[in-house]
Amino acid sequence: MDARTVADVWREWKEGIAGRPALEELENRWGHHWRLGSAMRMAWCRRKVVLDEVSRLIQSGLDPELAVATLDERRQQAGQSLPAFIRAIQGRRKG
C-alpha cells in the first residue's frame, strides 16, 4: 500500500501496514540496514520528511493524533497529494 495521507505515513511508522512491521520498530532495531535498495531508501527519505514534521508539532505541544490531523488538514486545504505536500515542506526548509 502506498501512503496517500499523513495519517497513512504515521500508521506505517507506529503500527506497520499490510502485515509489515512498524517502521519505527525496524529503525530502532536495524538502523539504516533495513532499507535495502535505492527505491526503499528514497521512499524512506520522503516518509522521514513527514515524520519529522509530525515530531516537530508534537514537540510544540500537540498530541500525536492532533499533529497528524493538523498536517493532513493543511495538505488537503492546499489541494496537494502527499508527494506534493512533502516537496512543499522540503521547499520551506530550504528557505
N, C-alpha and C. Protein backbone atom coordinates (compact mmCIF):
# COMPACT_ATOMS: atom_id res chain seq x y z
N MET A 1 0.84 -1.18 0.00
CA MET A 1 0.00 0.00 0.00
C MET A 1 0.88 1.24 0.00
N ASP A 2 0.59 2.14 -0.88
CA ASP A 2 1.29 3.41 -0.89
C ASP A 2 0.58 4.38 0.04
N ALA A 3 1.35 5.10 0.82
CA ALA A 3 0.78 6.11 1.70
C ALA A 3 0.24 7.26 0.86
N ARG A 4 -0.96 7.70 1.19
CA ARG A 4 -1.57 8.82 0.47
C ARG A 4 -1.86 9.99 1.38
N THR A 5 -1.76 9.76 2.68
CA THR A 5 -2.05 10.81 3.66
C THR A 5 -0.97 10.81 4.73
N VAL A 6 -0.96 11.88 5.51
CA VAL A 6 -0.05 11.95 6.65
C VAL A 6 -0.42 10.84 7.64
N ALA A 7 -1.70 10.59 7.80
CA ALA A 7 -2.14 9.52 8.71
C ALA A 7 -1.61 8.17 8.26
N ASP A 8 -1.57 7.92 6.95
CA ASP A 8 -1.00 6.67 6.44
C ASP A 8 0.47 6.54 6.81
N VAL A 9 1.21 7.62 6.65
CA VAL A 9 2.65 7.60 6.98
C VAL A 9 2.84 7.35 8.47
N TRP A 10 2.04 8.00 9.29
CA TRP A 10 2.16 7.84 10.74
C TRP A 10 1.80 6.41 11.16
N ARG A 11 0.74 5.86 10.57
CA ARG A 11 0.33 4.49 10.88
C ARG A 11 1.42 3.50 10.46
N GLU A 12 2.01 3.72 9.30
CA GLU A 12 3.11 2.86 8.83
C GLU A 12 4.28 2.92 9.81
N TRP A 13 4.55 4.09 10.36
CA TRP A 13 5.64 4.29 11.31
C TRP A 13 5.35 3.60 12.64
N LYS A 14 4.15 3.81 13.17
CA LYS A 14 3.83 3.34 14.51
C LYS A 14 3.33 1.90 14.57
N GLU A 15 2.53 1.49 13.58
CA GLU A 15 1.85 0.20 13.64
C GLU A 15 2.27 -0.79 12.56
N GLY A 16 2.76 -0.27 11.44
CA GLY A 16 3.01 -1.10 10.28
C GLY A 16 1.73 -1.21 9.45
N ILE A 17 1.88 -1.55 8.19
CA ILE A 17 0.71 -1.71 7.32
C ILE A 17 0.91 -2.95 6.45
N ALA A 18 -0.20 -3.45 5.96
CA ALA A 18 -0.19 -4.61 5.05
C ALA A 18 0.61 -5.79 5.62
N GLY A 19 0.48 -6.00 6.93
CA GLY A 19 1.15 -7.13 7.56
C GLY A 19 2.64 -6.94 7.80
N ARG A 20 3.15 -5.77 7.47
CA ARG A 20 4.58 -5.50 7.68
C ARG A 20 4.78 -4.87 9.06
N PRO A 21 5.98 -5.00 9.60
CA PRO A 21 6.24 -4.41 10.92
C PRO A 21 6.26 -2.89 10.85
N ALA A 22 6.10 -2.27 12.00
CA ALA A 22 6.17 -0.82 12.11
C ALA A 22 7.57 -0.35 11.72
N LEU A 23 7.63 0.72 10.94
CA LEU A 23 8.93 1.25 10.53
C LEU A 23 9.73 1.74 11.73
N GLU A 24 9.04 2.22 12.75
CA GLU A 24 9.72 2.66 13.97
C GLU A 24 10.49 1.49 14.58
N GLU A 25 9.86 0.33 14.60
CA GLU A 25 10.50 -0.87 15.13
C GLU A 25 11.73 -1.25 14.29
N LEU A 26 11.56 -1.24 12.98
CA LEU A 26 12.69 -1.56 12.10
C LEU A 26 13.84 -0.58 12.29
N GLU A 27 13.51 0.68 12.36
CA GLU A 27 14.53 1.72 12.51
C GLU A 27 15.27 1.57 13.83
N ASN A 28 14.51 1.32 14.91
CA ASN A 28 15.14 1.16 16.22
C ASN A 28 16.00 -0.10 16.30
N ARG A 29 15.55 -1.14 15.63
CA ARG A 29 16.27 -2.42 15.72
C ARG A 29 17.46 -2.50 14.77
N TRP A 30 17.28 -2.02 13.54
CA TRP A 30 18.27 -2.25 12.50
C TRP A 30 18.96 -0.98 11.98
N GLY A 31 18.50 0.20 12.42
CA GLY A 31 19.07 1.43 11.86
C GLY A 31 18.81 1.48 10.37
N HIS A 32 19.75 1.95 9.60
CA HIS A 32 19.56 2.08 8.16
C HIS A 32 19.65 0.74 7.41
N HIS A 33 20.05 -0.32 8.08
CA HIS A 33 20.28 -1.60 7.39
C HIS A 33 19.02 -2.25 6.84
N TRP A 34 17.85 -1.88 7.35
CA TRP A 34 16.62 -2.49 6.84
C TRP A 34 16.21 -1.87 5.50
N ARG A 35 16.76 -0.71 5.17
CA ARG A 35 16.38 -0.01 3.94
C ARG A 35 17.26 -0.48 2.78
N LEU A 36 16.86 -1.58 2.16
CA LEU A 36 17.63 -2.16 1.08
C LEU A 36 17.17 -1.58 -0.27
N GLY A 37 18.09 -1.25 -1.10
CA GLY A 37 17.75 -0.78 -2.45
C GLY A 37 17.44 0.70 -2.48
N SER A 38 17.70 1.30 -3.62
CA SER A 38 17.53 2.75 -3.75
C SER A 38 16.07 3.16 -3.68
N ALA A 39 15.14 2.35 -4.17
CA ALA A 39 13.73 2.71 -4.11
C ALA A 39 13.25 2.78 -2.66
N MET A 40 13.68 1.84 -1.85
CA MET A 40 13.28 1.84 -0.45
C MET A 40 13.91 3.01 0.29
N ARG A 41 15.17 3.31 -0.02
CA ARG A 41 15.83 4.45 0.62
C ARG A 41 15.14 5.75 0.25
N MET A 42 14.74 5.89 -1.01
CA MET A 42 14.05 7.10 -1.47
C MET A 42 12.70 7.24 -0.78
N ALA A 43 11.95 6.13 -0.69
CA ALA A 43 10.65 6.16 -0.02
C ALA A 43 10.83 6.56 1.45
N TRP A 44 11.86 6.03 2.09
CA TRP A 44 12.11 6.36 3.49
C TRP A 44 12.42 7.85 3.64
N CYS A 45 13.23 8.40 2.76
CA CYS A 45 13.57 9.82 2.85
C CYS A 45 12.32 10.69 2.74
N ARG A 46 11.40 10.30 1.88
CA ARG A 46 10.15 11.05 1.74
C ARG A 46 9.30 10.91 2.99
N ARG A 47 9.18 9.69 3.50
CA ARG A 47 8.38 9.48 4.71
C ARG A 47 8.99 10.24 5.89
N LYS A 48 10.31 10.27 5.95
CA LYS A 48 11.01 10.92 7.06
C LYS A 48 10.68 12.40 7.14
N VAL A 49 10.49 13.05 5.99
CA VAL A 49 10.10 14.47 5.97
C VAL A 49 8.79 14.64 6.74
N VAL A 50 7.83 13.77 6.48
CA VAL A 50 6.53 13.83 7.15
C VAL A 50 6.68 13.52 8.64
N LEU A 51 7.43 12.48 8.95
CA LEU A 51 7.61 12.09 10.35
C LEU A 51 8.30 13.20 11.15
N ASP A 52 9.27 13.85 10.55
CA ASP A 52 9.95 14.96 11.22
C ASP A 52 8.98 16.12 11.49
N GLU A 53 8.09 16.37 10.54
CA GLU A 53 7.11 17.45 10.71
C GLU A 53 6.10 17.10 11.80
N VAL A 54 5.65 15.85 11.84
CA VAL A 54 4.77 15.42 12.92
C VAL A 54 5.50 15.56 14.26
N SER A 55 6.73 15.13 14.33
CA SER A 55 7.51 15.23 15.57
C SER A 55 7.69 16.67 16.01
N ARG A 56 7.90 17.56 15.05
CA ARG A 56 8.04 18.98 15.37
C ARG A 56 6.77 19.50 16.04
N LEU A 57 5.61 19.13 15.51
CA LEU A 57 4.34 19.57 16.10
C LEU A 57 4.11 18.95 17.47
N ILE A 58 4.51 17.70 17.64
CA ILE A 58 4.39 17.05 18.94
C ILE A 58 5.26 17.77 19.96
N GLN A 59 6.47 18.12 19.56
CA GLN A 59 7.38 18.83 20.46
C GLN A 59 6.86 20.22 20.82
N SER A 60 6.02 20.79 19.94
CA SER A 60 5.46 22.11 20.23
C SER A 60 4.25 22.01 21.16
N GLY A 61 3.84 20.77 21.50
CA GLY A 61 2.79 20.60 22.49
C GLY A 61 1.54 19.89 22.01
N LEU A 62 1.43 19.58 20.72
CA LEU A 62 0.26 18.84 20.23
C LEU A 62 0.41 17.36 20.53
N ASP A 63 -0.72 16.71 20.77
CA ASP A 63 -0.63 15.26 20.92
C ASP A 63 -0.48 14.66 19.51
N PRO A 64 0.03 13.45 19.40
CA PRO A 64 0.31 12.88 18.08
C PRO A 64 -0.89 12.86 17.14
N GLU A 65 -2.05 12.49 17.65
CA GLU A 65 -3.25 12.41 16.80
C GLU A 65 -3.59 13.79 16.22
N LEU A 66 -3.50 14.81 17.03
CA LEU A 66 -3.80 16.17 16.57
C LEU A 66 -2.73 16.67 15.60
N ALA A 67 -1.49 16.33 15.86
CA ALA A 67 -0.40 16.73 14.96
C ALA A 67 -0.61 16.14 13.57
N VAL A 68 -0.96 14.86 13.52
CA VAL A 68 -1.21 14.18 12.24
C VAL A 68 -2.41 14.82 11.55
N ALA A 69 -3.49 15.03 12.29
CA ALA A 69 -4.70 15.62 11.72
C ALA A 69 -4.44 17.04 11.20
N THR A 70 -3.64 17.80 11.92
CA THR A 70 -3.31 19.17 11.51
C THR A 70 -2.57 19.17 10.18
N LEU A 71 -1.59 18.30 10.05
CA LEU A 71 -0.83 18.23 8.81
C LEU A 71 -1.69 17.73 7.65
N ASP A 72 -2.52 16.74 7.91
CA ASP A 72 -3.40 16.25 6.84
C ASP A 72 -4.37 17.34 6.41
N GLU A 73 -4.85 18.12 7.36
CA GLU A 73 -5.76 19.21 7.02
C GLU A 73 -5.04 20.26 6.16
N ARG A 74 -3.81 20.58 6.53
CA ARG A 74 -3.02 21.53 5.72
C ARG A 74 -2.83 21.01 4.30
N ARG A 75 -2.53 19.73 4.20
CA ARG A 75 -2.32 19.12 2.88
C ARG A 75 -3.59 19.20 2.05
N GLN A 76 -4.72 18.86 2.67
CA GLN A 76 -5.99 18.88 1.95
C GLN A 76 -6.39 20.29 1.56
N GLN A 77 -6.21 21.25 2.47
CA GLN A 77 -6.56 22.64 2.16
C GLN A 77 -5.74 23.19 1.00
N ALA A 78 -4.51 22.72 0.89
CA ALA A 78 -3.65 23.15 -0.21
C ALA A 78 -3.95 22.37 -1.48
N GLY A 79 -4.81 21.36 -1.38
CA GLY A 79 -5.15 20.54 -2.54
C GLY A 79 -3.96 19.74 -3.05
N GLN A 80 -3.11 19.31 -2.12
CA GLN A 80 -1.88 18.62 -2.50
C GLN A 80 -1.95 17.13 -2.26
N SER A 81 -1.36 16.39 -3.18
CA SER A 81 -1.12 14.97 -2.94
C SER A 81 -0.04 14.88 -1.86
N LEU A 82 0.17 13.71 -1.33
CA LEU A 82 1.23 13.54 -0.33
C LEU A 82 2.60 13.90 -0.90
N PRO A 83 2.96 13.44 -2.11
CA PRO A 83 4.27 13.84 -2.65
C PRO A 83 4.41 15.36 -2.83
N ALA A 84 3.35 16.03 -3.25
CA ALA A 84 3.41 17.49 -3.41
C ALA A 84 3.56 18.16 -2.05
N PHE A 85 2.88 17.64 -1.05
CA PHE A 85 2.98 18.17 0.30
C PHE A 85 4.41 18.01 0.83
N ILE A 86 5.00 16.87 0.58
CA ILE A 86 6.39 16.63 1.01
C ILE A 86 7.32 17.61 0.33
N ARG A 87 7.15 17.82 -0.97
CA ARG A 87 8.00 18.79 -1.69
C ARG A 87 7.83 20.20 -1.11
N ALA A 88 6.60 20.55 -0.74
CA ALA A 88 6.35 21.88 -0.15
C ALA A 88 7.07 22.02 1.19
N ILE A 89 7.03 20.99 2.01
CA ILE A 89 7.74 21.02 3.29
C ILE A 89 9.24 21.17 3.04
N GLN A 90 9.76 20.39 2.11
CA GLN A 90 11.19 20.46 1.80
C GLN A 90 11.56 21.87 1.32
N GLY A 91 10.71 22.46 0.49
CA GLY A 91 10.96 23.81 -0.02
C GLY A 91 10.99 24.83 1.10
N ARG A 92 10.08 24.71 2.07
CA ARG A 92 10.07 25.64 3.20
C ARG A 92 11.33 25.48 4.04
N ARG A 93 11.81 24.28 4.18
CA ARG A 93 13.02 24.04 4.98
C ARG A 93 14.25 24.66 4.33
N LYS A 94 14.28 24.62 3.00
CA LYS A 94 15.44 25.16 2.30
C LYS A 94 15.45 26.68 2.30
N GLY A 95 14.26 27.22 2.46
CA GLY A 95 14.27 28.55 2.52
C GLY A 95 13.72 29.73 2.30
